[in-house]
Amino acid sequence: MLYHQQDRFVGLLRSLATDYRIHITLVVHPRKVEGEEIDIHHIGGSSRVIQEADNVLAIQRHRDEVDKRKFRKFLYILKNRYGMRRIESDQIEMVFQPSTYTHTLIDYAQAK
């Protein structure tokens, strides 16, 4: 029953976005994936969420290998319907800047 309601809700969001040419951001929490990189199959709930989405982004943190008390955060581009998917790297590191409470994005594929 829950998946049916979720499918209906996602369908309504898709129609709203298409009809009014707007972008809707829906936050969906992934299943726990300790020790592995997140992918599109880790997104919880109905597969319709992924099917209807134009873009799917994920943020995941990994424990720093040098300093186990710290974490490194990464932005993953899991789906990008109209902008094409990145080939060299679908992963961008996010480095927190405490002075401005923002993140700097580091795309290692661009540095090559």
N, C-alpha and C. Protein backbone atom coordinates (compact mmCIF):
# COMPACT_ATOMS: atom_id res chain seq x y z
N MET A 1 0.81 -1.19 0.00
CA MET A 1 0.00 0.00 0.00
C MET A 1 0.86 1.27 0.00
N LEU A 2 1.92 1.26 0.83
CA LEU A 2 2.78 2.44 0.93
C LEU A 2 3.45 2.74 -0.41
N TYR A 3 3.96 1.70 -1.09
CA TYR A 3 4.62 1.93 -2.38
C TYR A 3 3.64 2.49 -3.40
N HIS A 4 2.40 2.02 -3.38
CA HIS A 4 1.38 2.53 -4.31
C HIS A 4 1.14 4.02 -4.07
N GLN A 5 1.05 4.41 -2.82
CA GLN A 5 0.85 5.82 -2.48
C GLN A 5 2.06 6.65 -2.88
N GLN A 6 3.25 6.08 -2.67
CA GLN A 6 4.47 6.80 -3.04
C GLN A 6 4.54 6.96 -4.56
N ASP A 7 4.21 5.91 -5.30
CA ASP A 7 4.20 5.99 -6.77
C ASP A 7 3.23 7.07 -7.25
N ARG A 8 2.07 7.12 -6.65
CA ARG A 8 1.06 8.12 -7.04
C ARG A 8 1.57 9.53 -6.74
N PHE A 9 2.17 9.72 -5.57
CA PHE A 9 2.71 11.01 -5.19
C PHE A 9 3.82 11.45 -6.14
N VAL A 10 4.71 10.54 -6.48
CA VAL A 10 5.81 10.87 -7.40
C VAL A 10 5.25 11.20 -8.78
N GLY A 11 4.24 10.48 -9.22
CA GLY A 11 3.60 10.79 -10.50
C GLY A 11 2.98 12.18 -10.51
N LEU A 12 2.36 12.56 -9.40
CA LEU A 12 1.79 13.91 -9.29
C LEU A 12 2.88 14.98 -9.32
N LEU A 13 3.99 14.72 -8.64
CA LEU A 13 5.12 15.67 -8.68
C LEU A 13 5.66 15.81 -10.09
N ARG A 14 5.79 14.68 -10.80
CA ARG A 14 6.30 14.71 -12.17
C ARG A 14 5.38 15.54 -13.05
N SER A 15 4.07 15.34 -12.92
CA SER A 15 3.10 16.11 -13.71
C SER A 15 3.18 17.59 -13.40
N LEU A 16 3.30 17.92 -12.13
CA LEU A 16 3.41 19.32 -11.70
C LEU A 16 4.66 19.97 -12.31
N ALA A 17 5.78 19.27 -12.24
CA ALA A 17 7.04 19.81 -12.78
C ALA A 17 6.95 19.99 -14.29
N THR A 18 6.36 19.04 -14.98
CA THR A 18 6.24 19.11 -16.44
C THR A 18 5.26 20.20 -16.86
N ASP A 19 4.10 20.21 -16.25
CA ASP A 19 3.05 21.17 -16.62
C ASP A 19 3.47 22.62 -16.39
N TYR A 20 4.17 22.86 -15.30
CA TYR A 20 4.53 24.23 -14.94
C TYR A 20 6.00 24.57 -15.22
N ARG A 21 6.71 23.62 -15.83
CA ARG A 21 8.12 23.81 -16.19
C ARG A 21 8.93 24.31 -15.01
N ILE A 22 8.82 23.57 -13.91
CA ILE A 22 9.54 23.92 -12.69
C ILE A 22 10.40 22.74 -12.25
N HIS A 23 11.35 23.03 -11.38
CA HIS A 23 12.20 21.99 -10.80
C HIS A 23 11.71 21.72 -9.38
N ILE A 24 11.56 20.47 -9.06
CA ILE A 24 11.15 20.06 -7.71
C ILE A 24 12.27 19.23 -7.12
N THR A 25 12.67 19.56 -5.91
CA THR A 25 13.69 18.78 -5.21
C THR A 25 13.00 17.90 -4.18
N LEU A 26 13.19 16.61 -4.33
CA LEU A 26 12.62 15.64 -3.40
C LEU A 26 13.79 14.96 -2.70
N VAL A 27 13.80 14.98 -1.39
CA VAL A 27 14.88 14.36 -0.62
C VAL A 27 14.45 12.95 -0.22
N VAL A 28 15.25 11.97 -0.61
CA VAL A 28 14.98 10.57 -0.29
C VAL A 28 16.24 10.01 0.36
N HIS A 29 16.09 9.37 1.48
CA HIS A 29 17.25 8.83 2.19
C HIS A 29 17.59 7.44 1.65
N PRO A 30 18.87 7.18 1.43
CA PRO A 30 19.28 5.87 0.91
C PRO A 30 19.29 4.81 2.01
N ARG A 31 19.34 3.57 1.57
CA ARG A 31 19.55 2.49 2.53
C ARG A 31 20.99 2.60 3.03
N LYS A 32 21.26 2.11 4.21
CA LYS A 32 22.61 2.15 4.76
C LYS A 32 23.56 1.32 3.90
N VAL A 33 24.71 1.92 3.57
CA VAL A 33 25.70 1.24 2.73
C VAL A 33 27.09 1.46 3.32
N GLU A 34 27.35 0.88 4.47
CA GLU A 34 28.64 1.03 5.13
C GLU A 34 29.75 0.48 4.26
N GLY A 35 30.77 1.29 4.05
CA GLY A 35 31.98 0.83 3.38
C GLY A 35 31.91 0.74 1.87
N GLU A 36 30.82 1.10 1.24
CA GLU A 36 30.77 1.06 -0.21
C GLU A 36 30.20 2.37 -0.74
N GLU A 37 30.53 2.67 -1.99
CA GLU A 37 30.01 3.89 -2.60
C GLU A 37 28.54 3.72 -2.92
N ILE A 38 27.81 4.79 -2.72
CA ILE A 38 26.37 4.77 -2.97
C ILE A 38 26.12 4.73 -4.48
N ASP A 39 25.07 4.03 -4.87
CA ASP A 39 24.66 4.07 -6.28
C ASP A 39 23.14 4.19 -6.33
N ILE A 40 22.62 4.22 -7.52
CA ILE A 40 21.19 4.49 -7.72
C ILE A 40 20.29 3.40 -7.09
N HIS A 41 20.84 2.21 -6.90
CA HIS A 41 20.06 1.10 -6.34
C HIS A 41 19.91 1.20 -4.82
N HIS A 42 20.65 2.10 -4.19
CA HIS A 42 20.56 2.27 -2.74
C HIS A 42 19.46 3.24 -2.32
N ILE A 43 18.82 3.88 -3.29
CA ILE A 43 17.77 4.84 -2.97
C ILE A 43 16.55 4.07 -2.46
N GLY A 44 16.06 4.47 -1.30
CA GLY A 44 14.95 3.76 -0.67
C GLY A 44 13.62 4.02 -1.36
N GLY A 45 12.66 3.17 -1.07
CA GLY A 45 11.31 3.36 -1.59
C GLY A 45 11.12 2.77 -2.97
N SER A 46 10.21 3.33 -3.70
CA SER A 46 9.81 2.83 -5.01
C SER A 46 10.81 3.20 -6.09
N SER A 47 10.95 2.35 -7.09
CA SER A 47 11.84 2.66 -8.21
C SER A 47 11.28 3.80 -9.06
N ARG A 48 10.02 4.12 -8.89
CA ARG A 48 9.43 5.22 -9.67
C ARG A 48 10.08 6.56 -9.32
N VAL A 49 10.56 6.70 -8.10
CA VAL A 49 11.26 7.93 -7.71
C VAL A 49 12.43 8.15 -8.66
N ILE A 50 13.19 7.12 -8.94
CA ILE A 50 14.36 7.22 -9.82
C ILE A 50 13.92 7.38 -11.27
N GLN A 51 12.93 6.62 -11.69
CA GLN A 51 12.46 6.68 -13.08
C GLN A 51 11.97 8.07 -13.46
N GLU A 52 11.23 8.70 -12.60
CA GLU A 52 10.63 10.00 -12.91
C GLU A 52 11.58 11.17 -12.72
N ALA A 53 12.65 10.98 -11.98
CA ALA A 53 13.57 12.07 -11.69
C ALA A 53 14.40 12.45 -12.91
N ASP A 54 14.61 13.74 -13.09
CA ASP A 54 15.53 14.21 -14.12
C ASP A 54 16.97 14.17 -13.61
N ASN A 55 17.13 14.43 -12.32
CA ASN A 55 18.46 14.43 -11.71
C ASN A 55 18.40 13.67 -10.40
N VAL A 56 19.43 12.88 -10.15
CA VAL A 56 19.55 12.20 -8.87
C VAL A 56 20.96 12.47 -8.36
N LEU A 57 21.03 13.14 -7.21
CA LEU A 57 22.30 13.45 -6.57
C LEU A 57 22.32 12.76 -5.22
N ALA A 58 23.50 12.35 -4.79
CA ALA A 58 23.64 11.74 -3.46
C ALA A 58 24.85 12.35 -2.78
N ILE A 59 24.74 12.52 -1.48
CA ILE A 59 25.88 12.97 -0.68
C ILE A 59 26.19 11.85 0.30
N GLN A 60 27.46 11.48 0.34
CA GLN A 60 27.88 10.40 1.23
C GLN A 60 29.17 10.81 1.92
N ARG A 61 29.32 10.39 3.15
CA ARG A 61 30.57 10.68 3.83
C ARG A 61 31.32 9.38 4.11
N HIS A 62 32.64 9.49 4.03
CA HIS A 62 33.53 8.36 4.30
C HIS A 62 34.49 8.78 5.40
N ARG A 63 34.82 7.85 6.27
CA ARG A 63 35.80 8.15 7.31
C ARG A 63 37.16 8.37 6.66
N ASP A 64 37.85 9.43 7.08
CA ASP A 64 39.17 9.75 6.55
C ASP A 64 40.14 8.62 6.90
N GLU A 65 40.90 8.15 5.92
CA GLU A 65 41.81 7.03 6.14
C GLU A 65 43.00 7.42 7.01
N VAL A 66 43.40 8.69 6.99
CA VAL A 66 44.54 9.15 7.78
C VAL A 66 44.11 9.49 9.21
N ASP A 67 43.07 10.29 9.34
CA ASP A 67 42.56 10.70 10.65
C ASP A 67 41.16 10.13 10.83
N LYS A 68 41.06 9.03 11.54
CA LYS A 68 39.79 8.30 11.68
C LYS A 68 38.71 9.11 12.40
N ARG A 69 39.09 10.24 13.04
CA ARG A 69 38.10 11.08 13.71
C ARG A 69 37.39 12.01 12.72
N LYS A 70 37.93 12.11 11.51
CA LYS A 70 37.38 13.03 10.51
C LYS A 70 36.67 12.26 9.40
N PHE A 71 35.82 12.99 8.70
CA PHE A 71 35.10 12.41 7.56
C PHE A 71 35.37 13.24 6.32
N ARG A 72 35.30 12.58 5.16
CA ARG A 72 35.34 13.27 3.87
C ARG A 72 33.96 13.09 3.25
N LYS A 73 33.44 14.16 2.62
CA LYS A 73 32.11 14.10 2.01
C LYS A 73 32.24 14.15 0.50
N PHE A 74 31.37 13.41 -0.17
CA PHE A 74 31.38 13.35 -1.62
C PHE A 74 29.98 13.55 -2.17
N LEU A 75 29.90 14.27 -3.28
CA LEU A 75 28.66 14.45 -4.03
C LEU A 75 28.73 13.51 -5.23
N TYR A 76 27.74 12.66 -5.38
CA TYR A 76 27.68 11.71 -6.50
C TYR A 76 26.56 12.14 -7.45
N ILE A 77 26.87 12.18 -8.73
CA ILE A 77 25.86 12.44 -9.75
C ILE A 77 25.41 11.07 -10.25
N LEU A 78 24.24 10.63 -9.80
CA LEU A 78 23.76 9.30 -10.14
C LEU A 78 22.91 9.29 -11.40
N LYS A 79 22.27 10.42 -11.68
CA LYS A 79 21.46 10.52 -12.90
C LYS A 79 21.39 11.98 -13.29
N ASN A 80 21.57 12.24 -14.58
CA ASN A 80 21.50 13.60 -15.12
C ASN A 80 20.88 13.48 -16.51
N ARG A 81 19.57 13.47 -16.57
CA ARG A 81 18.83 13.16 -17.79
C ARG A 81 19.16 14.07 -18.97
N TYR A 82 19.23 15.35 -18.76
CA TYR A 82 19.39 16.27 -19.89
C TYR A 82 20.81 16.80 -20.06
N GLY A 83 21.63 16.69 -19.05
CA GLY A 83 22.99 17.21 -19.14
C GLY A 83 24.01 16.16 -19.48
N MET A 84 23.56 14.98 -19.78
CA MET A 84 24.43 13.84 -20.04
C MET A 84 25.12 13.46 -18.73
N ARG A 85 25.46 12.23 -18.60
CA ARG A 85 26.17 11.79 -17.41
C ARG A 85 27.64 12.01 -17.58
N ARG A 86 28.30 12.40 -16.52
CA ARG A 86 29.75 12.61 -16.59
C ARG A 86 30.41 11.25 -16.79
N ILE A 87 31.44 11.22 -17.59
CA ILE A 87 32.11 9.95 -17.89
C ILE A 87 33.31 9.72 -16.98
N GLU A 88 34.21 10.72 -16.88
CA GLU A 88 35.45 10.52 -16.14
C GLU A 88 35.21 10.36 -14.64
N SER A 89 34.33 11.14 -14.09
CA SER A 89 34.11 11.08 -12.65
C SER A 89 32.69 11.51 -12.33
N ASP A 90 31.97 10.64 -11.68
CA ASP A 90 30.62 10.98 -11.22
C ASP A 90 30.67 11.37 -9.75
N GLN A 91 31.88 11.62 -9.25
CA GLN A 91 32.07 11.88 -7.82
C GLN A 91 32.86 13.18 -7.65
N ILE A 92 32.36 14.05 -6.78
CA ILE A 92 33.02 15.33 -6.51
C ILE A 92 33.16 15.44 -5.00
N GLU A 93 34.37 15.75 -4.53
CA GLU A 93 34.57 15.90 -3.09
C GLU A 93 34.06 17.25 -2.62
N MET A 94 33.47 17.25 -1.43
CA MET A 94 32.95 18.48 -0.82
C MET A 94 33.80 18.78 0.41
N VAL A 95 34.53 19.90 0.38
CA VAL A 95 35.39 20.28 1.50
C VAL A 95 34.73 21.44 2.24
N PHE A 96 34.43 21.23 3.51
CA PHE A 96 33.74 22.24 4.31
C PHE A 96 34.67 23.40 4.64
N GLN A 97 34.16 24.62 4.49
CA GLN A 97 34.89 25.85 4.82
C GLN A 97 34.24 26.44 6.08
N PRO A 98 34.82 26.20 7.26
CA PRO A 98 34.19 26.66 8.51
C PRO A 98 33.99 28.17 8.59
N SER A 99 34.85 28.94 7.96
CA SER A 99 34.74 30.41 8.07
C SER A 99 33.48 30.95 7.39
N THR A 100 33.00 30.24 6.36
CA THR A 100 31.82 30.71 5.62
C THR A 100 30.64 29.74 5.70
N TYR A 101 30.84 28.62 6.38
CA TYR A 101 29.80 27.59 6.49
C TYR A 101 29.33 27.12 5.11
N THR A 102 30.27 26.98 4.20
CA THR A 102 29.96 26.51 2.85
C THR A 102 30.90 25.35 2.51
N HIS A 103 30.66 24.75 1.36
CA HIS A 103 31.53 23.69 0.87
C HIS A 103 32.19 24.13 -0.43
N THR A 104 33.44 23.77 -0.60
CA THR A 104 34.14 23.92 -1.86
C THR A 104 34.07 22.57 -2.56
N LEU A 105 33.73 22.59 -3.85
CA LEU A 105 33.64 21.34 -4.61
C LEU A 105 34.95 21.10 -5.34
N ILE A 106 35.50 19.89 -5.18
CA ILE A 106 36.74 19.53 -5.85
C ILE A 106 36.45 18.40 -6.82
N ASP A 107 36.58 18.69 -8.10
CA ASP A 107 36.34 17.70 -9.16
C ASP A 107 37.71 17.23 -9.63
N TYR A 108 38.15 16.07 -9.17
CA TYR A 108 39.48 15.58 -9.50
C TYR A 108 39.62 15.27 -10.99
N ALA A 109 38.53 14.98 -11.68
CA ALA A 109 38.60 14.73 -13.13
C ALA A 109 38.99 16.00 -13.87
N GLN A 110 38.58 17.17 -13.39
CA GLN A 110 38.92 18.45 -14.02
C GLN A 110 40.40 18.77 -13.84
N ALA A 111 41.01 18.27 -12.76
CA ALA A 111 42.41 18.58 -12.45
C ALA A 111 43.37 17.82 -13.35
N LYS A 112 42.92 16.78 -14.01
CA LYS A 112 43.80 15.97 -14.87
C LYS A 112 44.17 16.69 -16.13
